[in-house]
């Protein structure tokens, strides 16, 4: 249990975030991925819709994930 708490604390320190800042950042990633998944599903039935939705968001997702303020 102690190791788990140490890893948790270290991860938050590495990201330079509080627990709630980290939670909100993770939720933003989840929401973005859910929206992209829906767009991909729609695109599979209607190929002319959302033709660049995923490719345009890849860079945005990378920035969201590599958000540490080091």
N, C-alpha and C. Protein backbone atom coordinates (compact mmCIF):
# COMPACT_ATOMS: atom_id res chain seq x y z
N UNK A 1 0.83 -1.20 0.00
CA UNK A 1 0.00 0.00 0.00
C UNK A 1 0.87 1.26 0.00
N UNK A 2 1.96 1.21 0.75
CA UNK A 2 2.85 2.36 0.82
C UNK A 2 3.45 2.67 -0.55
N UNK A 3 3.85 1.62 -1.27
CA UNK A 3 4.42 1.81 -2.61
C UNK A 3 3.41 2.44 -3.56
N UNK A 4 2.16 2.01 -3.45
CA UNK A 4 1.09 2.56 -4.28
C UNK A 4 0.95 4.06 -4.03
N UNK A 5 0.92 4.46 -2.77
CA UNK A 5 0.79 5.88 -2.44
C UNK A 5 2.00 6.68 -2.89
N UNK A 6 3.18 6.09 -2.78
CA UNK A 6 4.40 6.78 -3.23
C UNK A 6 4.36 6.99 -4.74
N UNK A 7 3.95 5.96 -5.48
CA UNK A 7 3.85 6.08 -6.95
C UNK A 7 2.81 7.11 -7.35
N UNK A 8 1.70 7.13 -6.63
CA UNK A 8 0.63 8.09 -6.89
C UNK A 8 1.15 9.51 -6.68
N UNK A 9 1.79 9.72 -5.56
CA UNK A 9 2.32 11.04 -5.23
C UNK A 9 3.40 11.47 -6.24
N UNK A 10 4.26 10.51 -6.62
CA UNK A 10 5.33 10.82 -7.58
C UNK A 10 4.75 11.21 -8.94
N UNK A 11 3.73 10.50 -9.37
CA UNK A 11 3.12 10.81 -10.67
C UNK A 11 2.54 12.22 -10.66
N UNK A 12 1.85 12.59 -9.59
CA UNK A 12 1.29 13.93 -9.51
C UNK A 12 2.40 14.98 -9.47
N UNK A 13 3.48 14.70 -8.76
CA UNK A 13 4.62 15.62 -8.71
C UNK A 13 5.27 15.75 -10.09
N UNK A 14 5.41 14.63 -10.80
CA UNK A 14 5.99 14.65 -12.15
C UNK A 14 5.16 15.52 -13.09
N UNK A 15 3.86 15.49 -12.91
CA UNK A 15 2.96 16.29 -13.74
C UNK A 15 2.81 17.72 -13.22
N UNK A 16 3.34 17.96 -12.02
CA UNK A 16 3.24 19.27 -11.37
C UNK A 16 1.77 19.69 -11.24
N UNK A 17 0.95 18.74 -10.77
CA UNK A 17 -0.48 18.97 -10.65
C UNK A 17 -0.97 18.48 -9.29
N UNK A 18 -2.06 19.08 -8.85
CA UNK A 18 -2.75 18.56 -7.67
C UNK A 18 -3.60 17.38 -8.13
N UNK A 19 -4.18 16.70 -7.15
CA UNK A 19 -5.04 15.57 -7.46
C UNK A 19 -6.20 15.99 -8.37
N UNK A 20 -6.85 17.11 -8.02
CA UNK A 20 -8.02 17.54 -8.80
C UNK A 20 -7.62 18.12 -10.16
N UNK A 21 -6.50 18.79 -10.26
CA UNK A 21 -6.02 19.26 -11.56
C UNK A 21 -5.78 18.06 -12.48
N UNK A 22 -5.18 17.02 -11.91
CA UNK A 22 -4.88 15.82 -12.69
C UNK A 22 -6.18 15.12 -13.12
N UNK A 23 -7.14 15.07 -12.21
CA UNK A 23 -8.42 14.44 -12.52
C UNK A 23 -9.12 15.18 -13.67
N UNK A 24 -9.15 16.48 -13.61
CA UNK A 24 -9.80 17.27 -14.67
C UNK A 24 -9.08 17.09 -16.00
N UNK A 25 -7.75 17.08 -15.98
CA UNK A 25 -6.99 16.86 -17.21
C UNK A 25 -7.31 15.49 -17.81
N UNK A 26 -7.41 14.48 -16.95
CA UNK A 26 -7.73 13.13 -17.43
C UNK A 26 -9.14 13.10 -18.02
N UNK A 27 -10.07 13.77 -17.36
CA UNK A 27 -11.44 13.82 -17.88
C UNK A 27 -11.50 14.49 -19.25
N UNK A 28 -10.67 15.51 -19.45
CA UNK A 28 -10.65 16.18 -20.76
C UNK A 28 -10.19 15.21 -21.85
N UNK A 29 -9.20 14.39 -21.53
CA UNK A 29 -8.72 13.39 -22.50
C UNK A 29 -9.83 12.37 -22.77
N UNK A 30 -10.48 11.90 -21.72
CA UNK A 30 -11.57 10.93 -21.88
C UNK A 30 -12.67 11.51 -22.76
N UNK A 31 -13.09 12.73 -22.48
CA UNK A 31 -14.16 13.37 -23.25
C UNK A 31 -13.76 13.50 -24.74
N UNK A 32 -12.53 13.94 -24.97
CA UNK A 32 -12.05 14.10 -26.35
C UNK A 32 -12.06 12.76 -27.08
N UNK A 33 -11.60 11.70 -26.41
CA UNK A 33 -11.57 10.38 -27.04
C UNK A 33 -12.99 9.86 -27.31
N UNK A 34 -13.91 10.13 -26.40
CA UNK A 34 -15.29 9.70 -26.63
C UNK A 34 -15.90 10.41 -27.83
N UNK A 35 -15.67 11.71 -27.95
CA UNK A 35 -16.19 12.47 -29.08
C UNK A 35 -15.56 11.96 -30.38
N UNK A 36 -14.26 11.71 -30.36
CA UNK A 36 -13.59 11.20 -31.56
C UNK A 36 -14.11 9.81 -31.94
N UNK A 37 -14.37 8.99 -30.93
CA UNK A 37 -14.92 7.66 -31.21
C UNK A 37 -16.27 7.75 -31.89
N UNK A 38 -17.10 8.66 -31.42
CA UNK A 38 -18.41 8.86 -32.04
C UNK A 38 -18.26 9.36 -33.48
N UNK A 39 -17.34 10.29 -33.68
CA UNK A 39 -17.11 10.80 -35.04
C UNK A 39 -16.61 9.69 -35.96
N UNK A 40 -15.74 8.82 -35.44
CA UNK A 40 -15.25 7.70 -36.25
C UNK A 40 -16.37 6.73 -36.61
N UNK A 41 -17.25 6.49 -35.65
CA UNK A 41 -18.39 5.61 -35.92
C UNK A 41 -19.28 6.20 -37.01
N UNK A 42 -19.59 7.47 -36.91
CA UNK A 42 -20.39 8.15 -37.94
C UNK A 42 -19.67 8.11 -39.28
N UNK A 43 -18.36 8.37 -39.25
CA UNK A 43 -17.55 8.35 -40.47
C UNK A 43 -17.59 6.98 -41.15
N UNK A 44 -17.65 5.91 -40.35
CA UNK A 44 -17.67 4.57 -40.94
C UNK A 44 -18.93 4.34 -41.79
N UNK A 45 -20.03 4.97 -41.42
CA UNK A 45 -21.26 4.84 -42.19
C UNK A 45 -21.38 5.90 -43.29
N UNK A 46 -20.83 7.07 -43.01
CA UNK A 46 -20.90 8.19 -43.96
C UNK A 46 -19.49 8.74 -44.17
N UNK A 47 -18.73 8.12 -45.06
CA UNK A 47 -17.31 8.47 -45.23
C UNK A 47 -17.03 9.92 -45.58
N UNK A 48 -18.02 10.64 -46.05
CA UNK A 48 -17.82 12.04 -46.41
C UNK A 48 -17.90 12.96 -45.19
N UNK A 49 -18.31 12.44 -44.04
CA UNK A 49 -18.38 13.23 -42.81
C UNK A 49 -17.13 13.00 -41.94
N UNK A 50 -16.69 14.03 -41.28
CA UNK A 50 -15.56 13.96 -40.34
C UNK A 50 -14.31 13.33 -40.96
N UNK A 51 -14.01 13.71 -42.18
CA UNK A 51 -12.89 13.07 -42.90
C UNK A 51 -11.53 13.35 -42.26
N UNK A 52 -11.40 14.46 -41.54
CA UNK A 52 -10.11 14.78 -40.92
C UNK A 52 -10.21 14.93 -39.40
N UNK A 53 -11.31 14.51 -38.82
CA UNK A 53 -11.55 14.73 -37.38
C UNK A 53 -10.46 14.13 -36.51
N UNK A 54 -10.07 12.89 -36.78
CA UNK A 54 -9.08 12.23 -35.94
C UNK A 54 -7.69 12.81 -36.19
N UNK A 55 -7.33 12.95 -37.44
CA UNK A 55 -5.99 13.45 -37.75
C UNK A 55 -5.77 14.86 -37.20
N UNK A 56 -6.81 15.67 -37.18
CA UNK A 56 -6.68 17.03 -36.65
C UNK A 56 -6.54 17.04 -35.13
N UNK A 57 -7.06 16.03 -34.46
CA UNK A 57 -7.02 16.00 -33.00
C UNK A 57 -5.79 15.29 -32.43
N UNK A 58 -5.03 14.59 -33.26
CA UNK A 58 -3.88 13.86 -32.75
C UNK A 58 -2.89 14.79 -32.06
N UNK A 59 -2.57 15.90 -32.68
CA UNK A 59 -1.63 16.86 -32.08
C UNK A 59 -2.22 17.44 -30.80
N UNK A 60 -3.49 17.73 -30.81
CA UNK A 60 -4.16 18.27 -29.63
C UNK A 60 -4.10 17.26 -28.48
N UNK A 61 -4.37 16.00 -28.76
CA UNK A 61 -4.30 14.96 -27.73
C UNK A 61 -2.89 14.81 -27.19
N UNK A 62 -1.91 14.89 -28.06
CA UNK A 62 -0.51 14.79 -27.62
C UNK A 62 -0.18 15.92 -26.64
N UNK A 63 -0.62 17.12 -26.94
CA UNK A 63 -0.38 18.25 -26.04
C UNK A 63 -1.11 18.05 -24.71
N UNK A 64 -2.32 17.49 -24.77
CA UNK A 64 -3.07 17.25 -23.55
C UNK A 64 -2.36 16.23 -22.66
N UNK A 65 -1.78 15.23 -23.28
CA UNK A 65 -1.13 14.17 -22.52
C UNK A 65 0.23 14.61 -22.00
N UNK A 66 0.95 15.37 -22.80
CA UNK A 66 2.28 15.84 -22.40
C UNK A 66 2.17 17.24 -21.80
N UNK A 67 1.32 17.37 -20.81
CA UNK A 67 1.01 18.67 -20.25
C UNK A 67 1.89 19.05 -19.08
N UNK A 68 2.85 18.20 -18.71
CA UNK A 68 3.64 18.52 -17.52
C UNK A 68 4.32 19.88 -17.68
N UNK A 69 4.42 20.59 -16.59
CA UNK A 69 4.93 21.96 -16.61
C UNK A 69 6.38 21.99 -16.15
N UNK A 70 7.14 20.99 -16.53
CA UNK A 70 8.53 20.89 -16.08
C UNK A 70 9.41 21.88 -16.80
